[in-house]
């Protein structure tokens, strides 16, 4: 989908700043003047969090250091190394100043705006789900002073921890106070997401979240990149083929050594990175590539690693945080001497969950245990609905349609239940535990949608998943989900779409409640 221009010489640093590293952690120390000012601190607080936005164990933070190699690994790696050597003296780009993304972590009070679709690609139709109520471009919390990244892609990422959502936009503009974008999308439930967009949405050609593999400013300041890395290459495999977690492709290589978008490329874990003659930032990239790997996400004019744009900080303060982190080295030389020929390609679809036994995040169903009598039903507590994919979530009835109270009796697999929640993916409800020890529920697709729909039910406490139903399909009997909630103050009842869109995803948390 994306046609990126060759990366010419990136903006060189002027008034070079001396580079230093701390002896204990290897973290790069920025000059005190650039981080101690109140304005600068507030700006950096809005950049991407350390470690990115996705959770450990999901696609962008999956430890692949011990994963097997693709049978064709040697040829695929030679292909990548050859593509890299053919451009800019064999030095891959470090895309901080262009063809990157500006990341804004926003607060709960950030005003929301509707983003206009400018259709710069000349589509002959308006994609379903893009505009209008609940649309991908609707009610986005974009800061008034937001600045997209430089370059023709003009990408912008908005991360909202308070609603657990992420928006990404491609060819983003603000004209006369109105935001517009050529394409983009929204991810609901970032804390449990695998880090890709559904139904063709998203800002990358592969459908993968740009933020997932972006080297963040705070990552480098901390001295550790604790997630996988996005890699752009000039010639990915043909668009008809892609590897999980990619959802699509814009490549065209049909050779036997082709590297499809989504392919994971790990740096040989046996290499002593500290002994290599590379920039400290390149060493951070190398160590992350040993543990998490690169994921090929897009096509570009040269091999490129993606880094967070400093545009937000520069616009707000006039200070470029990358200058302190890169020192006298221009961004286009950061990756010099990186050992591209020492990569290892992982098997196609490595890490992809099995659709027959697992849900969208690869988890097998949590084993059920004996459950005592329900002492209090979840629907009788002071619960909070954070989101629901179709109309309002319903108490003690099915999700129904768009109006409140229009659902029917909760019914899964022929059994009717008097208590519970009727929801639609993607959905999230926060429920206070109240000192109980066990949560349980009968879960399934409501009978009102027949055999349509497939979802996954999860119980979370903070960033820890307590229970998982596995993939549940329409027409199946109810499954029992049980979670130990001892010492937990509140839980989140999450329903994901099972990885195939949200059509028919009316889901029931029947008999959801607590026991001692």
Protein backbone atom coordinates (compact mmCIF):
# COMPACT_ATOMS: atom_id res chain seq x y z
CA UNK A 1 0.00 0.00 0.00
CA UNK A 2 2.75 2.45 0.92
CA UNK A 3 5.32 3.68 -1.60
CA UNK A 4 8.18 5.13 0.38
CA UNK A 5 10.81 7.27 -1.30
CA UNK A 6 14.51 6.37 -0.99
CA UNK A 7 15.90 7.70 2.24
CA UNK A 8 18.36 10.42 1.36
CA UNK A 9 20.74 11.91 3.82
CA UNK A 10 18.70 12.47 6.97
CA UNK A 11 18.94 15.74 8.81
CA UNK A 12 22.47 15.98 10.09
CA UNK A 13 23.06 17.29 13.57
CA UNK A 14 24.44 20.75 13.99
CA UNK A 15 26.09 22.00 17.15
CA UNK A 16 26.97 18.38 17.93
CA UNK A 17 26.50 17.27 21.50
CA UNK A 18 29.02 15.01 23.18
CA UNK A 19 27.85 11.42 23.64
CA UNK A 20 28.28 9.57 26.92
CA UNK A 21 27.01 6.33 28.42
CA UNK A 22 26.49 5.35 32.02
CA UNK A 23 28.81 2.64 33.19
CA UNK A 24 26.14 0.67 35.04
CA UNK A 25 23.39 0.44 32.44
CA UNK A 26 24.79 1.63 29.13
CA UNK A 27 21.99 4.21 29.00
CA UNK A 28 22.85 7.28 27.01
CA UNK A 29 23.02 10.34 29.19
CA UNK A 30 21.55 13.48 27.70
CA UNK A 31 22.90 16.88 28.73
CA UNK A 32 21.05 18.03 31.83
CA UNK A 33 19.86 21.25 30.21
CA UNK A 34 17.82 19.34 27.66
CA UNK A 35 15.75 17.35 30.15
CA UNK A 36 15.48 19.35 33.33
CA UNK A 37 13.30 22.18 32.06
CA UNK A 38 9.61 21.88 32.98
CA UNK A 39 8.46 22.28 29.37
CA UNK A 40 10.88 19.68 28.05
CA UNK A 41 9.90 17.16 30.72
CA UNK A 42 6.20 17.61 29.97
CA UNK A 43 6.83 17.12 26.25
CA UNK A 44 8.84 13.94 26.77
CA UNK A 45 6.09 12.64 29.06
CA UNK A 46 3.84 12.63 26.01
CA UNK A 47 6.19 10.58 23.82
CA UNK A 48 6.07 6.80 23.50
CA UNK A 49 6.42 4.87 26.80
CA UNK A 50 9.54 2.87 27.56
CA UNK A 51 9.10 -0.59 26.07
CA UNK A 52 6.42 0.57 23.65
CA UNK A 53 2.68 0.22 24.06
CA UNK A 54 2.12 -3.55 23.73
CA UNK A 55 2.38 -6.18 26.46
CA UNK A 56 5.03 -8.81 27.09
CA UNK A 57 4.30 -12.09 25.31
CA UNK A 58 2.26 -10.52 22.52
CA UNK A 59 3.62 -10.31 18.97
CA UNK A 60 5.81 -7.22 19.43
CA UNK A 61 7.26 -8.40 22.74
CA UNK A 62 7.68 -12.12 22.09
CA UNK A 63 11.07 -13.54 23.12
CA UNK A 64 12.38 -15.35 20.02
CA UNK A 65 15.96 -15.87 21.20
CA UNK A 66 15.49 -19.65 21.26
CA UNK A 67 13.13 -19.97 18.28
CA UNK A 68 13.97 -22.40 15.45
CA UNK A 69 15.27 -21.11 12.11
CA UNK A 70 13.45 -21.15 8.81
CA UNK A 71 14.68 -23.99 6.59
CA UNK A 72 15.49 -21.35 3.97
CA UNK A 73 17.07 -18.95 6.47
CA UNK A 74 20.49 -18.68 4.81
CA UNK A 75 19.05 -17.67 1.44
CA UNK A 76 16.56 -15.22 2.96
CA UNK A 77 19.25 -13.54 5.06
CA UNK A 78 21.53 -13.27 2.04
CA UNK A 79 18.64 -11.60 0.22
CA UNK A 80 18.24 -8.98 2.99
CA UNK A 81 22.00 -8.42 3.26
CA UNK A 82 22.26 -7.97 -0.53
CA UNK A 83 19.38 -5.47 -0.58
CA UNK A 84 21.04 -3.55 2.24
CA UNK A 85 24.47 -3.52 0.58
CA UNK A 86 23.01 -2.08 -2.63
CA UNK A 87 21.95 1.23 -1.04
CA UNK A 88 23.86 4.04 0.69
CA UNK A 89 27.12 2.16 1.03
CA UNK A 90 25.43 -0.73 2.79
CA UNK A 91 24.41 1.35 5.81
CA UNK A 92 20.76 0.97 6.74
CA UNK A 93 18.81 4.11 7.54
CA UNK A 94 17.84 5.04 11.09
CA UNK A 95 14.55 6.74 10.30
CA UNK A 96 14.10 9.23 13.09
CA UNK A 97 13.80 12.39 11.05
CA UNK A 98 11.61 11.17 8.21
CA UNK A 99 9.46 8.16 7.33
CA UNK A 100 8.90 7.58 11.04
CA UNK A 101 5.97 8.50 13.28
CA UNK A 102 5.23 11.18 15.84
CA UNK A 103 3.89 9.52 18.99
CA UNK A 104 1.62 11.30 21.46
CA UNK A 105 0.62 9.63 24.74
CA UNK A 106 -2.55 11.49 25.66
CA UNK A 107 -4.42 12.02 28.91
CA UNK A 108 -8.05 11.16 29.60
CA UNK A 109 -9.03 14.82 29.26
CA UNK A 110 -7.65 15.36 25.76
CA UNK A 111 -10.46 16.77 23.56
CA UNK A 112 -11.62 14.43 20.79
CA UNK A 113 -12.02 15.32 17.12
CA UNK A 114 -13.26 13.56 14.01
CA UNK A 115 -10.53 13.06 11.41
CA UNK A 116 -11.57 13.73 7.81
CA UNK A 117 -10.77 11.09 5.20
CA UNK A 118 -9.10 12.81 2.24
CA UNK A 119 -9.00 9.68 0.00
CA UNK A 120 -5.66 10.58 -1.58
CA UNK A 121 -5.50 7.10 -3.13
CA UNK A 122 -8.68 7.67 -5.11
CA UNK A 123 -10.81 4.83 -3.76
CA UNK A 124 -14.19 4.58 -5.50
CA UNK A 125 -16.00 3.78 -2.26
CA UNK A 126 -15.99 4.78 1.40
CA UNK A 127 -14.65 1.83 3.42
CA UNK A 128 -17.14 0.45 5.92
CA UNK A 129 -16.26 1.28 9.51
CA UNK A 130 -14.02 4.22 8.65
CA UNK A 131 -16.36 7.13 9.40
CA UNK A 132 -19.47 7.74 11.50
CA UNK A 133 -20.34 6.43 14.99
CA UNK A 134 -17.65 4.07 16.22
CA UNK A 135 -15.61 4.61 13.05
CA UNK A 136 -11.82 4.35 12.90
CA UNK A 137 -11.51 8.12 12.26
CA UNK A 138 -14.20 9.17 14.75
CA UNK A 139 -13.60 10.90 18.10
CA UNK A 140 -9.82 10.74 18.21
CA UNK A 141 -8.01 12.47 21.13
CA UNK A 142 -5.46 14.42 19.10
CA UNK A 143 -3.63 17.18 21.00
CA UNK A 144 -4.20 20.60 19.45
CA UNK A 145 -0.44 21.10 19.07
CA UNK A 146 0.27 17.67 17.53
CA UNK A 147 2.76 17.53 14.66
CA UNK A 148 2.99 14.55 12.26
CA UNK A 149 6.40 13.13 11.38
CA UNK A 150 8.28 14.64 8.46
CA UNK A 151 8.37 12.93 5.08
CA UNK A 152 5.67 12.14 2.55
CA UNK A 153 4.11 9.53 4.88
CA UNK A 154 3.38 12.21 7.55
CA UNK A 155 2.52 9.57 10.12
CA UNK A 156 0.93 10.29 13.47
CA UNK A 157 0.36 7.89 16.39
CA UNK A 158 -2.01 8.61 19.29
CA UNK A 159 -1.85 6.36 22.36
CA UNK A 160 -4.53 6.69 25.06
CA UNK A 161 -3.70 4.61 28.17
CA UNK A 162 -6.93 5.70 29.87
CA UNK A 163 -9.09 4.07 27.18
CA UNK A 164 -6.51 1.44 26.17
CA UNK A 165 -6.64 2.56 22.54
CA UNK A 166 -4.18 3.39 19.77
CA UNK A 167 -4.76 5.36 16.56
CA UNK A 168 -2.32 5.62 13.65
CA UNK A 169 -2.69 7.83 10.60
CA UNK A 170 -0.89 8.00 7.25
CA UNK A 171 -0.50 11.22 5.20
CA UNK A 172 -1.83 13.27 8.10
CA UNK A 173 -2.57 16.98 7.84
CA UNK A 174 -4.17 19.79 9.81
CA UNK A 175 -5.63 22.54 7.64
CA UNK A 176 -7.68 25.40 9.10
CA UNK A 177 -7.98 23.49 12.36
CA UNK A 178 -9.31 20.30 10.72
CA UNK A 179 -7.36 17.05 10.83
CA UNK A 180 -7.37 14.73 7.83
CA UNK A 181 -5.58 11.55 6.80
CA UNK A 182 -5.40 9.37 3.72
CA UNK A 183 -5.53 6.16 5.75
CA UNK A 184 -5.09 4.76 9.25
CA UNK A 185 -6.99 2.94 11.93
CA UNK A 186 -7.67 2.24 15.59
CA UNK A 187 -6.73 -0.63 17.91
CA UNK A 188 -8.99 -1.22 20.91
CA UNK A 189 -7.63 -3.07 23.92
CA UNK A 190 -3.97 -2.22 23.36
CA UNK A 191 -2.95 -3.94 26.61
CA UNK A 192 -3.91 -7.33 25.21
CA UNK A 193 -3.57 -6.65 21.48
CA UNK A 194 -1.15 -8.53 19.23
CA UNK A 195 -0.26 -5.19 17.67
CA UNK A 196 -1.95 -5.21 14.29
CA UNK A 197 -5.04 -3.66 12.70
CA UNK A 198 -8.01 -5.59 11.36
CA UNK A 199 -10.06 -5.23 8.18
CA UNK A 200 -7.40 -3.46 6.12
CA UNK A 201 -6.97 -0.51 8.47
CA UNK A 202 -3.68 0.84 9.82
CA UNK A 203 -0.83 3.03 8.58
CA UNK A 204 1.65 0.38 7.41
CA UNK A 205 1.51 -1.77 4.28
CA UNK A 206 1.51 -4.91 6.43
CA UNK A 207 -1.29 -3.82 8.78
CA UNK A 208 1.14 -3.91 11.69
CA UNK A 209 1.18 -1.05 14.18
CA UNK A 210 3.96 1.38 13.35
CA UNK A 211 4.43 2.09 17.05
CA UNK A 212 5.00 -1.60 17.76
CA UNK A 213 8.46 -1.64 16.19
CA UNK A 214 9.47 1.99 16.59
CA UNK A 215 12.64 2.73 18.57
CA UNK A 216 11.35 5.22 21.11
CA UNK A 217 13.19 8.23 22.45
CA UNK A 218 12.64 6.93 25.97
CA UNK A 219 13.84 3.47 24.92
CA UNK A 220 17.23 4.89 23.99
CA UNK A 221 17.38 7.13 27.04
CA UNK A 222 16.82 4.02 29.20
CA UNK A 223 19.57 2.08 27.43
CA UNK A 224 17.35 -0.89 26.49
CA UNK A 225 14.93 -1.46 23.61
CA UNK A 226 12.51 -3.94 25.15
CA UNK A 227 10.48 -4.92 22.07
CA UNK A 228 10.79 -6.14 18.49
CA UNK A 229 11.90 -3.75 15.78
CA UNK A 230 10.19 -2.76 12.55
CA UNK A 231 12.35 -3.30 9.47
CA UNK A 232 11.70 -1.80 6.04
CA UNK A 233 13.38 -3.43 3.04
CA UNK A 234 13.39 -2.43 -0.65
CA UNK A 235 11.98 -5.70 -1.99
CA UNK A 236 9.72 -7.75 0.30
CA UNK A 237 8.07 -10.95 -0.88
CA UNK A 238 5.11 -10.85 -3.25
CA UNK A 239 1.96 -9.17 -1.90
CA UNK A 240 0.00 -12.43 -2.11
CA UNK A 241 2.14 -13.88 0.68
CA UNK A 242 2.79 -12.61 4.19
CA UNK A 243 3.79 -14.04 7.54
CA UNK A 244 2.12 -13.55 10.94
CA UNK A 245 1.78 -11.04 12.54
CA UNK A 246 1.50 -9.15 9.21
CA UNK A 247 -2.04 -8.98 7.84
CA UNK A 248 -1.24 -7.97 4.26
CA UNK A 249 1.68 -6.89 2.05
CA UNK A 250 2.75 -4.57 -0.77
CA UNK A 251 5.84 -6.54 -1.87
CA UNK A 252 6.58 -8.06 -5.26
CA UNK A 253 9.60 -10.42 -4.95
CA UNK A 254 8.76 -13.95 -6.16
CA UNK A 255 12.26 -15.42 -5.91
CA UNK A 256 12.99 -18.57 -3.91
CA UNK A 257 14.78 -16.40 -1.33
CA UNK A 258 11.90 -13.91 -0.93
CA UNK A 259 11.27 -12.37 2.47
CA UNK A 260 7.53 -11.83 3.00
CA UNK A 261 6.31 -8.94 5.11
CA UNK A 262 5.79 -10.12 8.67
CA UNK A 263 8.92 -12.30 8.56
CA UNK A 264 10.87 -12.27 11.82
CA UNK A 265 14.62 -11.82 11.45
CA UNK A 266 16.68 -12.46 14.58
CA UNK A 267 20.31 -11.45 15.03
CA UNK A 268 22.39 -14.51 15.92
CA UNK A 269 22.13 -14.65 19.75
CA UNK A 270 25.69 -15.97 20.05
CA UNK A 271 27.22 -12.72 18.80
CA UNK A 272 28.95 -10.55 21.40
CA UNK A 273 27.30 -7.27 20.51
CA UNK A 274 29.41 -5.21 22.91
CA UNK A 275 32.52 -6.27 21.00
CA UNK A 276 31.19 -4.87 17.70
CA UNK A 277 32.40 -1.52 16.41
CA UNK A 278 29.02 0.22 16.32
CA UNK A 279 27.28 3.27 17.66
CA UNK A 280 25.74 2.70 21.13
CA UNK A 281 22.24 3.06 19.67
CA UNK A 282 23.02 0.44 17.02
CA UNK A 283 24.16 -1.88 19.81
CA UNK A 284 20.80 -1.39 21.54
CA UNK A 285 19.10 -2.27 18.26
CA UNK A 286 21.30 -5.36 17.91
CA UNK A 287 20.52 -6.63 21.41
CA UNK A 288 16.80 -6.14 20.84
CA UNK A 289 17.17 -8.01 17.54
CA UNK A 290 18.76 -10.93 19.39
CA UNK A 291 15.89 -11.21 21.87
CA UNK A 292 12.82 -9.99 19.96
CA UNK A 293 14.02 -9.78 16.36
CA UNK A 294 13.13 -7.50 13.48
CA UNK A 295 9.71 -7.82 11.84
CA UNK A 296 9.53 -6.81 8.18
CA UNK A 297 6.67 -4.31 8.10
CA UNK A 298 6.95 -2.33 4.90
CA UNK A 299 8.65 -1.60 1.61
CA UNK A 300 11.11 1.28 1.36
CA UNK A 301 13.84 2.79 -0.78
CA UNK A 302 16.50 1.18 1.38
CA UNK A 303 16.78 -1.05 4.42
CA UNK A 304 15.64 1.02 7.37
CA UNK A 305 15.12 0.81 11.12
CA UNK A 306 12.27 3.03 12.35
CA UNK A 307 12.73 5.47 15.23
CA UNK A 308 10.36 7.90 16.92
CA UNK A 309 10.12 11.30 15.27
CA UNK A 310 11.40 14.23 17.37
CA UNK A 311 8.94 16.56 15.64
CA UNK A 312 6.70 16.84 18.71
CA UNK A 313 9.52 17.90 21.01
CA UNK A 314 11.07 20.25 18.46
CA UNK A 315 7.74 21.96 17.75
CA UNK A 316 7.04 22.47 21.45
CA UNK A 317 10.48 23.39 22.76
CA UNK A 318 12.91 23.85 19.88
CA UNK A 319 15.02 21.07 21.40
CA UNK A 320 15.78 17.90 19.42
CA UNK A 321 16.16 14.98 21.89
CA UNK A 322 17.93 12.83 19.29
CA UNK A 323 20.87 15.23 19.13
CA UNK A 324 21.79 14.40 22.71
CA UNK A 325 21.31 10.68 22.07
CA UNK A 326 23.15 10.38 18.74
CA UNK A 327 25.93 12.82 19.57
CA UNK A 328 28.05 13.87 16.59
CA UNK A 329 26.86 10.89 14.52
CA UNK A 330 24.29 11.81 11.88
CA UNK A 331 21.22 9.60 11.85
CA UNK A 332 22.12 8.09 8.49
CA UNK A 333 25.34 6.67 9.99
CA UNK A 334 23.92 5.23 13.21
CA UNK A 335 23.55 1.70 11.79
CA UNK A 336 27.05 1.58 10.28
CA UNK A 337 28.74 -1.84 10.68
CA UNK A 338 25.53 -3.62 11.69
CA UNK A 339 26.06 -7.33 10.78
CA UNK A 340 23.11 -7.89 8.44
CA UNK A 341 24.66 -11.12 7.18
CA UNK A 342 24.39 -12.58 10.71
CA UNK A 343 20.61 -12.48 10.83
CA UNK A 344 18.52 -15.63 11.10
CA UNK A 345 15.07 -15.91 9.51
CA UNK A 346 12.40 -17.58 11.63
CA UNK A 347 9.77 -19.97 10.25
CA UNK A 348 6.78 -18.53 8.43
CA UNK A 349 3.99 -17.48 10.81
CA UNK A 350 6.20 -18.00 13.86
CA UNK A 351 4.21 -17.17 17.00
CA UNK A 352 0.85 -17.35 15.24
CA UNK A 353 -1.86 -18.85 17.45
CA UNK A 354 -3.60 -22.00 16.26
CA UNK A 355 -7.18 -21.12 15.33
CA UNK A 356 -8.40 -24.56 16.36
CA UNK A 357 -7.17 -24.47 19.93
CA UNK A 358 -6.40 -20.90 20.87
CA UNK A 359 -7.71 -17.38 20.71
CA UNK A 360 -6.35 -14.26 19.09
CA UNK A 361 -3.39 -13.95 21.45
CA UNK A 362 -2.31 -17.57 21.24
CA UNK A 363 -3.57 -18.55 24.68
CA UNK A 364 -5.08 -21.96 25.29
CA UNK A 365 -8.24 -22.06 27.38
CA UNK A 366 -7.60 -21.67 31.11
CA UNK A 367 -8.34 -24.99 32.85
CA UNK A 368 -11.55 -24.87 34.85
CA UNK A 369 -11.72 -25.77 38.51
CA UNK A 370 -14.54 -26.37 40.96
CA UNK A 371 -16.56 -23.25 41.67
CA UNK A 372 -18.50 -22.57 44.86
CA UNK A 373 -21.90 -20.88 45.02
CA UNK A 374 -22.04 -17.37 43.60
CA UNK A 375 -22.07 -14.89 46.47
CA UNK A 376 -22.50 -11.79 44.34
CA UNK A 377 -23.16 -11.36 40.63
CA UNK A 378 -20.89 -9.03 38.67
CA UNK A 379 -23.89 -7.25 37.17
CA UNK A 380 -24.99 -6.28 40.70
CA UNK A 381 -21.74 -4.46 41.50
CA UNK A 382 -20.67 -0.88 40.73
CA UNK A 383 -19.13 -2.01 37.42
CA UNK A 384 -17.88 0.35 34.70
CA UNK A 385 -18.16 -0.21 30.95
CA UNK A 386 -15.02 1.07 29.23
CA UNK A 387 -16.09 0.15 25.70
CA UNK A 388 -18.49 -1.96 23.70
CA UNK A 389 -18.33 -2.69 20.00
CA UNK A 390 -22.05 -2.40 19.18
CA UNK A 391 -24.48 -0.23 21.10
CA UNK A 392 -24.30 -0.22 24.91
CA UNK A 393 -23.28 -3.25 26.97
CA UNK A 394 -26.40 -4.68 28.62
CA UNK A 395 -27.03 -5.80 32.20
CA UNK A 396 -28.74 -9.19 32.61
CA UNK A 397 -29.72 -9.36 28.94
CA UNK A 398 -28.11 -9.86 25.53
CA UNK A 399 -26.36 -7.04 23.68
CA UNK A 400 -29.24 -6.52 21.27
CA UNK A 401 -28.99 -3.60 18.89
CA UNK A 402 -27.96 0.05 19.23
CA UNK A 403 -30.43 1.18 21.90
CA UNK A 404 -30.08 0.64 25.64
CA UNK A 405 -32.30 -2.15 26.99
CA UNK A 406 -33.15 -3.67 23.61
CA UNK A 407 -31.52 -7.04 24.29
CA UNK A 408 -33.24 -10.34 25.01
CA UNK A 409 -32.66 -12.96 27.69
CA UNK A 410 -29.06 -14.19 27.85
CA UNK A 411 -28.98 -17.49 25.96
CA UNK A 412 -25.95 -19.59 25.02
CA UNK A 413 -26.16 -23.03 23.42
CA UNK A 414 -29.83 -23.43 24.27
CA UNK A 415 -29.45 -22.48 27.95
CA UNK A 416 -31.05 -19.29 29.29
CA UNK A 417 -29.33 -17.33 32.06
CA UNK A 418 -30.89 -14.69 34.32
CA UNK A 419 -27.73 -12.80 35.27
CA UNK A 420 -24.68 -11.48 33.46
CA UNK A 421 -23.57 -9.07 30.75
CA UNK A 422 -24.43 -8.98 27.05
CA UNK A 423 -21.63 -7.34 25.07
CA UNK A 424 -20.12 -7.13 21.58
CA UNK A 425 -16.44 -7.32 20.66
CA UNK A 426 -14.34 -5.39 21.30
CA UNK A 427 -15.65 -4.95 24.83
CA UNK A 428 -14.21 -4.21 28.24
CA UNK A 429 -15.96 -3.99 31.62
CA UNK A 430 -14.26 -3.21 34.94
CA UNK A 431 -15.77 -5.05 37.93
CA UNK A 432 -14.84 -4.54 41.62
CA UNK A 433 -13.92 -7.81 43.34
CA UNK A 434 -15.02 -6.88 46.86
CA UNK A 435 -12.77 -9.29 48.74
CA UNK A 436 -13.88 -12.44 46.91
CA UNK A 437 -11.45 -15.22 46.04
CA UNK A 438 -12.91 -16.64 42.82
CA UNK A 439 -14.56 -15.22 39.74
CA UNK A 440 -16.47 -17.46 37.36
CA UNK A 441 -18.77 -17.15 34.35
CA UNK A 442 -20.45 -19.17 31.64
CA UNK A 443 -19.32 -17.60 28.38
CA UNK A 444 -20.35 -17.91 24.77
CA UNK A 445 -21.88 -16.32 21.67
CA UNK A 446 -25.49 -15.35 22.30
CA UNK A 447 -28.16 -17.36 20.48
CA UNK A 448 -29.58 -14.20 18.92
CA UNK A 449 -26.84 -14.30 16.25
CA UNK A 450 -27.07 -18.04 15.56
CA UNK A 451 -23.82 -19.63 14.39
CA UNK A 452 -22.19 -16.34 13.43
CA UNK A 453 -19.41 -14.74 15.41
CA UNK A 454 -16.20 -15.88 17.06
CA UNK A 455 -14.71 -14.25 20.15
CA UNK A 456 -12.33 -14.76 23.01
CA UNK A 457 -13.18 -14.04 26.66
CA UNK A 458 -10.40 -12.91 29.00
CA UNK A 459 -10.17 -11.86 32.64
CA UNK A 460 -7.43 -9.36 33.47
CA UNK A 461 -6.01 -7.73 36.59
CA UNK A 462 -3.85 -4.80 35.53
CA UNK A 463 -1.39 -6.19 33.00
CA UNK A 464 -1.81 -9.80 34.16
CA UNK A 465 -4.21 -12.15 32.44
CA UNK A 466 -6.04 -14.35 34.94
CA UNK A 467 -8.19 -16.47 32.64
CA UNK A 468 -8.82 -17.12 28.95
CA UNK A 469 -11.65 -18.96 27.22
CA UNK A 470 -9.78 -19.74 24.03
CA UNK A 471 -11.61 -19.19 20.75
CA UNK A 472 -15.41 -19.44 21.12
CA UNK A 473 -17.67 -19.73 18.07
CA UNK A 474 -21.36 -19.11 17.49
CA UNK A 475 -23.62 -22.09 18.15
CA UNK A 476 -21.27 -23.70 20.69
CA UNK A 477 -22.32 -24.59 24.24
CA UNK A 478 -21.22 -22.24 27.02
CA UNK A 479 -17.73 -22.61 28.41
CA UNK A 480 -16.79 -22.04 32.03
CA UNK A 481 -14.17 -19.39 32.79
CA UNK A 482 -12.69 -19.35 36.29
CA UNK A 483 -10.12 -16.92 37.74
CA UNK A 484 -8.40 -16.72 41.12
CA UNK A 485 -8.96 -13.12 42.24
CA UNK A 486 -7.55 -13.40 45.77
CA UNK A 487 -6.08 -10.04 46.77
CA UNK A 488 -7.28 -8.32 43.58
CA UNK A 489 -9.29 -5.11 43.91
CA UNK A 490 -10.89 -5.12 40.45
CA UNK A 491 -10.86 -7.15 37.25
CA UNK A 492 -11.43 -6.36 33.58
CA UNK A 493 -13.78 -8.57 31.60
CA UNK A 494 -12.46 -8.38 28.04
CA UNK A 495 -13.94 -9.76 24.82
CA UNK A 496 -11.80 -9.69 21.68
CA UNK A 497 -12.94 -10.42 18.15
CA UNK A 498 -11.08 -13.73 17.81
CA UNK A 499 -8.98 -12.33 14.95
CA UNK A 500 -11.58 -12.37 12.15
CA UNK A 501 -13.51 -9.14 12.52
CA UNK A 502 -16.50 -8.29 14.70
CA UNK A 503 -19.47 -9.40 12.59
CA UNK A 504 -21.94 -11.33 14.76
CA UNK A 505 -19.76 -11.01 17.86
CA UNK A 506 -22.60 -10.73 20.44
CA UNK A 507 -21.01 -12.31 23.52
CA UNK A 508 -22.43 -13.23 26.93
CA UNK A 509 -20.78 -13.24 30.34
CA UNK A 510 -23.57 -15.38 31.80
CA UNK A 511 -23.79 -16.13 35.54
CA UNK A 512 -20.71 -13.93 35.99
CA UNK A 513 -20.03 -13.58 39.69
CA UNK A 514 -17.83 -14.08 42.73
CA UNK A 515 -17.52 -16.79 45.35
CA UNK A 516 -15.43 -17.17 48.49
